[in-house]
């Protein structure tokens, strides 16, 4: 079972998404979401929209 708990900043200043995966807390960076099956799907629509906006902004560079 995967449950989205929220976002937080890690010591490096990067935003990480916090999940409970089978009862254990896991912090996943945005770039690594596809490496963790089910995590992206567990995100709420607002978090997915923020990720899409970040990717769109980066593609303009």
N, C-alpha and C. Protein backbone atom coordinates (compact mmCIF):
# COMPACT_ATOMS: atom_id res chain seq x y z
N UNK A 1 0.83 -1.17 0.00
CA UNK A 1 0.00 0.00 0.00
C UNK A 1 0.89 1.24 0.00
N UNK A 2 0.54 2.19 -0.83
CA UNK A 2 1.29 3.44 -0.94
C UNK A 2 0.35 4.59 -0.61
N UNK A 3 0.78 5.45 0.33
CA UNK A 3 -0.02 6.61 0.73
C UNK A 3 0.86 7.85 0.67
N UNK A 4 0.37 8.88 0.00
CA UNK A 4 1.08 10.15 -0.10
C UNK A 4 0.89 10.92 1.20
N UNK A 5 1.99 11.41 1.79
CA UNK A 5 1.93 12.12 3.05
C UNK A 5 2.19 13.63 2.90
N UNK A 6 2.88 14.04 1.85
CA UNK A 6 3.14 15.46 1.65
C UNK A 6 4.51 15.68 1.04
N UNK A 7 4.93 16.94 1.05
CA UNK A 7 6.25 17.30 0.54
C UNK A 7 7.05 17.94 1.65
N UNK A 8 8.35 17.91 1.50
CA UNK A 8 9.24 18.60 2.43
C UNK A 8 10.55 18.88 1.73
N UNK A 9 11.36 19.71 2.34
CA UNK A 9 12.69 20.03 1.81
C UNK A 9 13.71 19.12 2.49
N UNK A 10 14.63 18.58 1.70
CA UNK A 10 15.71 17.78 2.29
C UNK A 10 16.86 18.71 2.66
N UNK A 11 17.90 18.22 3.32
CA UNK A 11 19.02 19.09 3.73
C UNK A 11 19.71 19.82 2.57
N UNK A 12 19.61 19.27 1.36
CA UNK A 12 20.21 19.92 0.19
C UNK A 12 19.34 21.05 -0.36
N UNK A 13 18.12 21.19 0.15
CA UNK A 13 17.21 22.22 -0.31
C UNK A 13 16.28 21.78 -1.42
N UNK A 14 16.34 20.52 -1.81
CA UNK A 14 15.48 20.00 -2.86
C UNK A 14 14.15 19.56 -2.26
N UNK A 15 13.09 19.67 -3.04
CA UNK A 15 11.78 19.22 -2.60
C UNK A 15 11.68 17.72 -2.82
N UNK A 16 11.22 17.01 -1.80
CA UNK A 16 11.00 15.57 -1.90
C UNK A 16 9.55 15.28 -1.55
N UNK A 17 9.02 14.25 -2.16
CA UNK A 17 7.66 13.79 -1.90
C UNK A 17 7.76 12.65 -0.90
N UNK A 18 6.94 12.71 0.16
CA UNK A 18 7.00 11.74 1.24
C UNK A 18 5.82 10.78 1.10
N UNK A 19 6.13 9.49 1.10
CA UNK A 19 5.13 8.44 0.98
C UNK A 19 5.28 7.46 2.13
N UNK A 20 4.20 6.78 2.46
CA UNK A 20 4.27 5.60 3.31
C UNK A 20 4.11 4.41 2.38
N UNK A 21 5.14 3.59 2.30
CA UNK A 21 5.12 2.41 1.43
C UNK A 21 5.21 1.19 2.34
N UNK A 22 4.11 0.46 2.41
CA UNK A 22 4.03 -0.71 3.28
C UNK A 22 4.44 -0.38 4.72
N UNK A 23 4.01 0.78 5.20
CA UNK A 23 4.26 1.18 6.58
C UNK A 23 5.59 1.87 6.82
N UNK A 24 6.44 1.96 5.82
CA UNK A 24 7.74 2.61 5.97
C UNK A 24 7.75 3.94 5.22
N UNK A 25 8.33 4.97 5.83
CA UNK A 25 8.41 6.28 5.19
C UNK A 25 9.48 6.27 4.12
N UNK A 26 9.14 6.81 2.96
CA UNK A 26 10.08 6.90 1.85
C UNK A 26 10.01 8.30 1.27
N UNK A 27 11.17 8.92 1.09
CA UNK A 27 11.26 10.24 0.47
C UNK A 27 11.77 10.06 -0.95
N UNK A 28 11.03 10.63 -1.92
CA UNK A 28 11.36 10.44 -3.32
C UNK A 28 11.46 11.80 -3.99
N UNK A 29 12.57 12.03 -4.68
CA UNK A 29 12.71 13.27 -5.46
C UNK A 29 11.81 13.19 -6.69
N UNK A 30 11.48 14.37 -7.22
CA UNK A 30 10.60 14.43 -8.38
C UNK A 30 11.18 13.65 -9.56
N UNK A 31 12.47 13.74 -9.77
CA UNK A 31 13.09 13.07 -10.91
C UNK A 31 13.11 11.55 -10.75
N UNK A 32 12.89 11.05 -9.54
CA UNK A 32 12.95 9.61 -9.29
C UNK A 32 11.57 8.98 -9.13
N UNK A 33 10.51 9.72 -9.35
CA UNK A 33 9.17 9.17 -9.15
C UNK A 33 8.89 7.96 -10.04
N UNK A 34 9.39 7.99 -11.26
CA UNK A 34 9.12 6.87 -12.17
C UNK A 34 9.89 5.62 -11.79
N UNK A 35 10.91 5.75 -10.95
CA UNK A 35 11.69 4.59 -10.51
C UNK A 35 11.00 3.86 -9.36
N UNK A 36 9.99 4.45 -8.77
CA UNK A 36 9.27 3.86 -7.66
C UNK A 36 7.83 3.58 -8.10
N UNK A 37 7.53 2.35 -8.48
CA UNK A 37 6.20 2.02 -9.01
C UNK A 37 5.08 2.38 -8.04
N UNK A 38 4.07 3.04 -8.55
CA UNK A 38 2.89 3.39 -7.78
C UNK A 38 2.96 4.73 -7.08
N UNK A 39 4.14 5.30 -6.93
CA UNK A 39 4.26 6.57 -6.21
C UNK A 39 3.63 7.72 -6.99
N UNK A 40 3.89 7.81 -8.28
CA UNK A 40 3.32 8.91 -9.06
C UNK A 40 1.80 8.82 -9.08
N UNK A 41 1.28 7.61 -9.18
CA UNK A 41 -0.16 7.42 -9.21
C UNK A 41 -0.81 7.79 -7.88
N UNK A 42 -0.08 7.71 -6.77
CA UNK A 42 -0.61 8.03 -5.45
C UNK A 42 -0.66 9.53 -5.18
N UNK A 43 -0.02 10.32 -6.03
CA UNK A 43 -0.01 11.77 -5.83
C UNK A 43 -1.40 12.37 -6.08
N UNK A 44 -1.76 13.41 -5.34
CA UNK A 44 -3.02 14.10 -5.63
C UNK A 44 -2.88 14.92 -6.91
N UNK A 45 -4.00 15.34 -7.45
CA UNK A 45 -4.01 16.09 -8.71
C UNK A 45 -3.20 17.38 -8.60
N UNK A 46 -3.23 18.04 -7.46
CA UNK A 46 -2.49 19.30 -7.31
C UNK A 46 -0.98 19.07 -7.41
N UNK A 47 -0.48 17.98 -6.85
CA UNK A 47 0.96 17.68 -6.94
C UNK A 47 1.33 17.31 -8.37
N UNK A 48 0.47 16.56 -9.05
CA UNK A 48 0.74 16.21 -10.44
C UNK A 48 0.76 17.45 -11.33
N UNK A 49 -0.13 18.40 -11.05
CA UNK A 49 -0.15 19.65 -11.82
C UNK A 49 1.12 20.45 -11.59
N UNK A 50 1.61 20.47 -10.36
CA UNK A 50 2.85 21.19 -10.06
C UNK A 50 4.03 20.55 -10.79
N UNK A 51 4.08 19.24 -10.83
CA UNK A 51 5.15 18.53 -11.54
C UNK A 51 5.07 18.83 -13.03
N UNK A 52 3.86 18.82 -13.59
CA UNK A 52 3.69 19.13 -15.01
C UNK A 52 4.14 20.55 -15.31
N UNK A 53 3.83 21.49 -14.42
CA UNK A 53 4.25 22.88 -14.62
C UNK A 53 5.76 23.00 -14.55
N UNK A 54 6.39 22.28 -13.64
CA UNK A 54 7.86 22.30 -13.55
C UNK A 54 8.49 21.75 -14.82
N UNK A 55 7.94 20.66 -15.33
CA UNK A 55 8.49 20.06 -16.55
C UNK A 55 8.29 20.96 -17.75
N UNK A 56 7.14 21.64 -17.81
CA UNK A 56 6.88 22.56 -18.92
C UNK A 56 7.86 23.73 -18.86
N UNK A 57 8.10 24.25 -17.65
CA UNK A 57 9.02 25.37 -17.48
C UNK A 57 10.43 24.95 -17.88
N UNK A 58 10.83 23.76 -17.47
CA UNK A 58 12.18 23.28 -17.82
C UNK A 58 12.34 23.05 -19.31
N UNK A 59 11.28 22.66 -20.00
CA UNK A 59 11.38 22.42 -21.43
C UNK A 59 11.56 23.71 -22.23
N UNK A 60 11.22 24.85 -21.62
CA UNK A 60 11.37 26.14 -22.31
C UNK A 60 12.80 26.63 -22.30
N UNK A 61 13.63 26.08 -21.40
CA UNK A 61 15.01 26.54 -21.29
C UNK A 61 15.83 26.14 -22.44
